[in-house]
Amino acid sequence: MAQIPNYQREIEFSQEDAPMLEFNDEESNVAINLFGCDCPACINSLRQMRGATPLVY
């Protein structure tokens, strides 16, 4: 089983002060494989399955 990555700050801001969600390529790929999508709700579902902190949005 893959290791759960350590998570850091959940939100960073772009130059326009718009919030940017932080998740990695591995999470995106797994969410797409499981749910067909890597939207914040799917990333949060994946994180919940892994016992990790959800995205804040």
PDB file of N, CA and C in Angstrom:
ATOM      1  N   MET A   1       0.844  -1.182   0.000  1.00  0.00           N
ATOM      2  CA  MET A   1       0.000   0.000   0.000  1.00  0.00           C
ATOM      3  C   MET A   1       0.887   1.242   0.000  1.00  0.00           C
ATOM      4  N   ALA A   2       0.503   2.222  -0.755  1.00  0.00           N
ATOM      5  CA  ALA A   2       1.290   3.449  -0.860  1.00  0.00           C
ATOM      6  C   ALA A   2       1.249   4.228   0.441  1.00  0.00           C
ATOM      7  N   GLN A   3       2.339   4.935   0.713  1.00  0.00           N
ATOM      8  CA  GLN A   3       2.390   5.766   1.901  1.00  0.00           C
ATOM      9  C   GLN A   3       1.552   7.017   1.713  1.00  0.00           C
ATOM     10  N   ILE A   4       0.922   7.464   2.774  1.00  0.00           N
ATOM     11  CA  ILE A   4       0.159   8.708   2.736  1.00  0.00           C
ATOM     12  C   ILE A   4       1.158   9.856   2.805  1.00  0.00           C
ATOM     13  N   PRO A   5       1.125  10.773   1.832  1.00  0.00           N
ATOM     14  CA  PRO A   5       2.079  11.884   1.859  1.00  0.00           C
ATOM     15  C   PRO A   5       1.763  12.844   2.998  1.00  0.00           C
ATOM     16  N   ASN A   6       2.811  13.514   3.474  1.00  0.00           N
ATOM     17  CA  ASN A   6       2.601  14.545   4.485  1.00  0.00           C
ATOM     18  C   ASN A   6       1.996  15.763   3.807  1.00  0.00           C
ATOM     19  N   TYR A   7       1.016  16.352   4.444  1.00  0.00           N
ATOM     20  CA  TYR A   7       0.337  17.512   3.879  1.00  0.00           C
ATOM     21  C   TYR A   7       0.791  18.763   4.587  1.00  0.00           C
ATOM     22  N   GLN A   8       0.900  19.811   3.808  1.00  0.00           N
ATOM     23  CA  GLN A   8       1.267  21.087   4.369  1.00  0.00           C
ATOM     24  C   GLN A   8       0.077  22.021   4.234  1.00  0.00           C
ATOM     25  N   ARG A   9       0.348  23.281   4.148  1.00  0.00           N
ATOM     26  CA  ARG A   9      -0.711  24.272   4.051  1.00  0.00           C
ATOM     27  C   ARG A   9      -1.683  23.919   2.942  1.00  0.00           C
ATOM     28  N   GLU A  10      -2.968  24.071   3.200  1.00  0.00           N
ATOM     29  CA  GLU A  10      -4.000  23.653   2.255  1.00  0.00           C
ATOM     30  C   GLU A  10      -4.307  24.686   1.185  1.00  0.00           C
ATOM     31  N   ILE A  11      -4.091  25.960   1.469  1.00  0.00           N
ATOM     32  CA  ILE A  11      -4.442  27.011   0.507  1.00  0.00           C
ATOM     33  C   ILE A  11      -3.264  27.956   0.349  1.00  0.00           C
ATOM     34  N   GLU A  12      -2.963  28.289  -0.877  1.00  0.00           N
ATOM     35  CA  GLU A  12      -2.026  29.369  -1.136  1.00  0.00           C
ATOM     36  C   GLU A  12      -2.719  30.328  -2.092  1.00  0.00           C
ATOM     37  N   PHE A  13      -2.225  31.546  -2.179  1.00  0.00           N
ATOM     38  CA  PHE A  13      -2.888  32.547  -2.995  1.00  0.00           C
ATOM     39  C   PHE A  13      -2.064  32.863  -4.231  1.00  0.00           C
ATOM     40  N   SER A  14      -2.757  33.021  -5.351  1.00  0.00           N
ATOM     41  CA  SER A  14      -2.102  33.381  -6.602  1.00  0.00           C
ATOM     42  C   SER A  14      -1.814  34.877  -6.585  1.00  0.00           C
ATOM     43  N   GLN A  15      -1.238  35.355  -7.657  1.00  0.00           N
ATOM     44  CA  GLN A  15      -0.926  36.780  -7.741  1.00  0.00           C
ATOM     45  C   GLN A  15      -2.177  37.640  -7.673  1.00  0.00           C
ATOM     46  N   GLU A  16      -3.298  37.114  -8.090  1.00  0.00           N
ATOM     47  CA  GLU A  16      -4.549  37.869  -8.072  1.00  0.00           C
ATOM     48  C   GLU A  16      -5.291  37.687  -6.751  1.00  0.00           C
ATOM     49  N   ASP A  17      -4.638  37.105  -5.739  1.00  0.00           N
ATOM     50  CA  ASP A  17      -5.233  36.819  -4.435  1.00  0.00           C
ATOM     51  C   ASP A  17      -6.418  35.862  -4.519  1.00  0.00           C
ATOM     52  N   ALA A  18      -6.455  35.040  -5.545  1.00  0.00           N
ATOM     53  CA  ALA A  18      -7.472  33.994  -5.650  1.00  0.00           C
ATOM     54  C   ALA A  18      -6.920  32.742  -4.971  1.00  0.00           C
ATOM     55  N   PRO A  19      -7.707  32.086  -4.125  1.00  0.00           N
ATOM     56  CA  PRO A  19      -7.187  30.894  -3.439  1.00  0.00           C
ATOM     57  C   PRO A  19      -6.880  29.770  -4.425  1.00  0.00           C
ATOM     58  N   MET A  20      -5.778  29.088  -4.185  1.00  0.00           N
ATOM     59  CA  MET A  20      -5.357  27.949  -5.000  1.00  0.00           C
ATOM     60  C   MET A  20      -5.350  26.724  -4.092  1.00  0.00           C
ATOM     61  N   LEU A  21      -6.038  25.668  -4.484  1.00  0.00           N
ATOM     62  CA  LEU A  21      -6.048  24.442  -3.696  1.00  0.00           C
ATOM     63  C   LEU A  21      -4.755  23.681  -3.927  1.00  0.00           C
ATOM     64  N   GLU A  22      -4.229  23.089  -2.872  1.00  0.00           N
ATOM     65  CA  GLU A  22      -2.985  22.338  -2.988  1.00  0.00           C
ATOM     66  C   GLU A  22      -3.250  20.851  -2.869  1.00  0.00           C
ATOM     67  N   PHE A  23      -2.943  20.128  -3.936  1.00  0.00           N
ATOM     68  CA  PHE A  23      -2.928  18.673  -3.907  1.00  0.00           C
ATOM     69  C   PHE A  23      -1.891  18.231  -4.919  1.00  0.00           C
ATOM     70  N   ASN A  24      -1.396  17.019  -4.765  1.00  0.00           N
ATOM     71  CA  ASN A  24      -0.293  16.589  -5.618  1.00  0.00           C
ATOM     72  C   ASN A  24      -0.777  15.751  -6.801  1.00  0.00           C
ATOM     73  N   ASP A  25       0.142  15.492  -7.715  1.00  0.00           N
ATOM     74  CA  ASP A  25      -0.188  14.721  -8.922  1.00  0.00           C
ATOM     75  C   ASP A  25      -0.680  13.325  -8.584  1.00  0.00           C
ATOM     76  N   GLU A  26      -0.086  12.705  -7.570  1.00  0.00           N
ATOM     77  CA  GLU A  26      -0.490  11.353  -7.190  1.00  0.00           C
ATOM     78  C   GLU A  26      -1.948  11.343  -6.751  1.00  0.00           C
ATOM     79  N   GLU A  27      -2.336  12.323  -5.920  1.00  0.00           N
ATOM     80  CA  GLU A  27      -3.732  12.409  -5.480  1.00  0.00           C
ATOM     81  C   GLU A  27      -4.658  12.630  -6.670  1.00  0.00           C
ATOM     82  N   SER A  28      -4.258  13.511  -7.562  1.00  0.00           N
ATOM     83  CA  SER A  28      -5.066  13.795  -8.741  1.00  0.00           C
ATOM     84  C   SER A  28      -5.269  12.536  -9.575  1.00  0.00           C
ATOM     85  N   ASN A  29      -4.176  11.816  -9.836  1.00  0.00           N
ATOM     86  CA  ASN A  29      -4.261  10.602 -10.652  1.00  0.00           C
ATOM     87  C   ASN A  29      -5.116   9.525 -10.002  1.00  0.00           C
ATOM     88  N   VAL A  30      -4.965   9.326  -8.694  1.00  0.00           N
ATOM     89  CA  VAL A  30      -5.760   8.306  -7.998  1.00  0.00           C
ATOM     90  C   VAL A  30      -7.232   8.698  -7.998  1.00  0.00           C
ATOM     91  N   ALA A  31      -7.532   9.981  -7.746  1.00  0.00           N
ATOM     92  CA  ALA A  31      -8.926  10.435  -7.758  1.00  0.00           C
ATOM     93  C   ALA A  31      -9.549  10.228  -9.138  1.00  0.00           C
ATOM     94  N   ILE A  32      -8.801  10.519 -10.186  1.00  0.00           N
ATOM     95  CA  ILE A  32      -9.314  10.310 -11.547  1.00  0.00           C
ATOM     96  C   ILE A  32      -9.567   8.828 -11.795  1.00  0.00           C
ATOM     97  N   ASN A  33      -8.649   7.965 -11.353  1.00  0.00           N
ATOM     98  CA  ASN A  33      -8.834   6.519 -11.534  1.00  0.00           C
ATOM     99  C   ASN A  33     -10.039   5.997 -10.762  1.00  0.00           C
ATOM    100  N   LEU A  34     -10.242   6.492  -9.538  1.00  0.00           N
ATOM    101  CA  LEU A  34     -11.348   6.008  -8.708  1.00  0.00           C
ATOM    102  C   LEU A  34     -12.694   6.618  -9.083  1.00  0.00           C
ATOM    103  N   PHE A  35     -12.699   7.932  -9.309  1.00  0.00           N
ATOM    104  CA  PHE A  35     -13.957   8.658  -9.456  1.00  0.00           C
ATOM    105  C   PHE A  35     -14.173   9.267 -10.840  1.00  0.00           C
ATOM    106  N   GLY A  36     -13.149   9.215 -11.701  1.00  0.00           N
ATOM    107  CA  GLY A  36     -13.259   9.811 -13.027  1.00  0.00           C
ATOM    108  C   GLY A  36     -13.102  11.317 -13.025  1.00  0.00           C
ATOM    109  N   CYS A  37     -12.579  11.874 -11.926  1.00  0.00           N
ATOM    110  CA  CYS A  37     -12.530  13.328 -11.766  1.00  0.00           C
ATOM    111  C   CYS A  37     -11.546  13.664 -10.648  1.00  0.00           C
ATOM    112  N   ASP A  38     -10.951  14.853 -10.697  1.00  0.00           N
ATOM    113  CA  ASP A  38     -10.108  15.284  -9.580  1.00  0.00           C
ATOM    114  C   ASP A  38     -10.569  16.633  -9.025  1.00  0.00           C
ATOM    115  N   CYS A  39     -11.883  16.829  -9.012  1.00  0.00           N
ATOM    116  CA  CYS A  39     -12.453  18.045  -8.418  1.00  0.00           C
ATOM    117  C   CYS A  39     -12.206  18.010  -6.898  1.00  0.00           C
ATOM    118  N   PRO A  40     -12.356  19.142  -6.203  1.00  0.00           N
ATOM    119  CA  PRO A  40     -12.127  19.153  -4.759  1.00  0.00           C
ATOM    120  C   PRO A  40     -12.949  18.112  -3.992  1.00  0.00           C
ATOM    121  N   ALA A  41     -14.181  17.866  -4.401  1.00  0.00           N
ATOM    122  CA  ALA A  41     -15.001  16.867  -3.706  1.00  0.00           C
ATOM    123  C   ALA A  41     -14.392  15.471  -3.844  1.00  0.00           C
ATOM    124  N   CYS A  42     -13.876  15.138  -5.026  1.00  0.00           N
ATOM    125  CA  CYS A  42     -13.250  13.822  -5.237  1.00  0.00           C
ATOM    126  C   CYS A  42     -11.922  13.722  -4.495  1.00  0.00           C
ATOM    127  N   ILE A  43     -11.135  14.799  -4.496  1.00  0.00           N
ATOM    128  CA  ILE A  43      -9.884  14.803  -3.731  1.00  0.00           C
ATOM    129  C   ILE A  43     -10.205  14.612  -2.250  1.00  0.00           C
ATOM    130  N   ASN A  44     -11.241  15.285  -1.747  1.00  0.00           N
ATOM    131  CA  ASN A  44     -11.625  15.120  -0.343  1.00  0.00           C
ATOM    132  C   ASN A  44     -12.101  13.706  -0.053  1.00  0.00           C
ATOM    133  N   SER A  45     -12.821  13.092  -0.973  1.00  0.00           N
ATOM    134  CA  SER A  45     -13.255  11.704  -0.780  1.00  0.00           C
ATOM    135  C   SER A  45     -12.045  10.780  -0.690  1.00  0.00           C
ATOM    136  N   LEU A  46     -11.075  10.992  -1.565  1.00  0.00           N
ATOM    137  CA  LEU A  46      -9.847  10.201  -1.527  1.00  0.00           C
ATOM    138  C   LEU A  46      -9.126  10.410  -0.203  1.00  0.00           C
ATOM    139  N   ARG A  47      -8.993  11.660   0.204  1.00  0.00           N
ATOM    140  CA  ARG A  47      -8.313  11.954   1.468  1.00  0.00           C
ATOM    141  C   ARG A  47      -9.057  11.338   2.648  1.00  0.00           C
ATOM    142  N   GLN A  48     -10.376  11.351   2.612  1.00  0.00           N
ATOM    143  CA  GLN A  48     -11.155  10.735   3.686  1.00  0.00           C
ATOM    144  C   GLN A  48     -10.879   9.230   3.731  1.00  0.00           C
ATOM    145  N   MET A  49     -10.801   8.589   2.568  1.00  0.00           N
ATOM    146  CA  MET A  49     -10.493   7.158   2.508  1.00  0.00           C
ATOM    147  C   MET A  49      -9.115   6.870   3.101  1.00  0.00           C
ATOM    148  N   ARG A  50      -8.204   7.811   2.977  1.00  0.00           N
ATOM    149  CA  ARG A  50      -6.838   7.649   3.474  1.00  0.00           C
ATOM    150  C   ARG A  50      -6.665   8.156   4.901  1.00  0.00           C
ATOM    151  N   GLY A  51      -7.705   8.761   5.461  1.00  0.00           N
ATOM    152  CA  GLY A  51      -7.605   9.311   6.811  1.00  0.00           C
ATOM    153  C   GLY A  51      -6.777  10.584   6.874  1.00  0.00           C
ATOM    154  N   ALA A  52      -6.728  11.320   5.762  1.00  0.00           N
ATOM    155  CA  ALA A  52      -5.941  12.552   5.678  1.00  0.00           C
ATOM    156  C   ALA A  52      -6.850  13.775   5.806  1.00  0.00           C
ATOM    157  N   THR A  53      -6.244  14.914   6.035  1.00  0.00           N
ATOM    158  CA  THR A  53      -6.960  16.179   6.170  1.00  0.00           C
ATOM    159  C   THR A  53      -7.582  16.580   4.834  1.00  0.00           C
ATOM    160  N   PRO A  54      -8.855  16.987   4.825  1.00  0.00           N
ATOM    161  CA  PRO A  54      -9.490  17.394   3.565  1.00  0.00           C
ATOM    162  C   PRO A  54      -8.983  18.751   3.079  1.00  0.00           C
ATOM    163  N   LEU A  55      -9.209  19.004   1.788  1.00  0.00           N
ATOM    164  CA  LEU A  55      -8.940  20.331   1.240  1.00  0.00           C
ATOM    165  C   LEU A  55      -9.907  21.314   1.874  1.00  0.00           C
ATOM    166  N   VAL A  56      -9.488  22.540   2.011  1.00  0.00           N
ATOM    167  CA  VAL A  56     -10.364  23.596   2.505  1.00  0.00           C
ATOM    168  C   VAL A  56     -10.700  24.481   1.321  1.00  0.00           C
ATOM    169  N   TYR A  57     -11.977  24.595   1.017  1.00  0.00           N
ATOM    170  CA  TYR A  57     -12.404  25.451  -0.097  1.00  0.00           C
ATOM    171  C   TYR A  57     -13.742  26.040   0.184  1.00  0.00           C
TER     172      TYR A  57
END
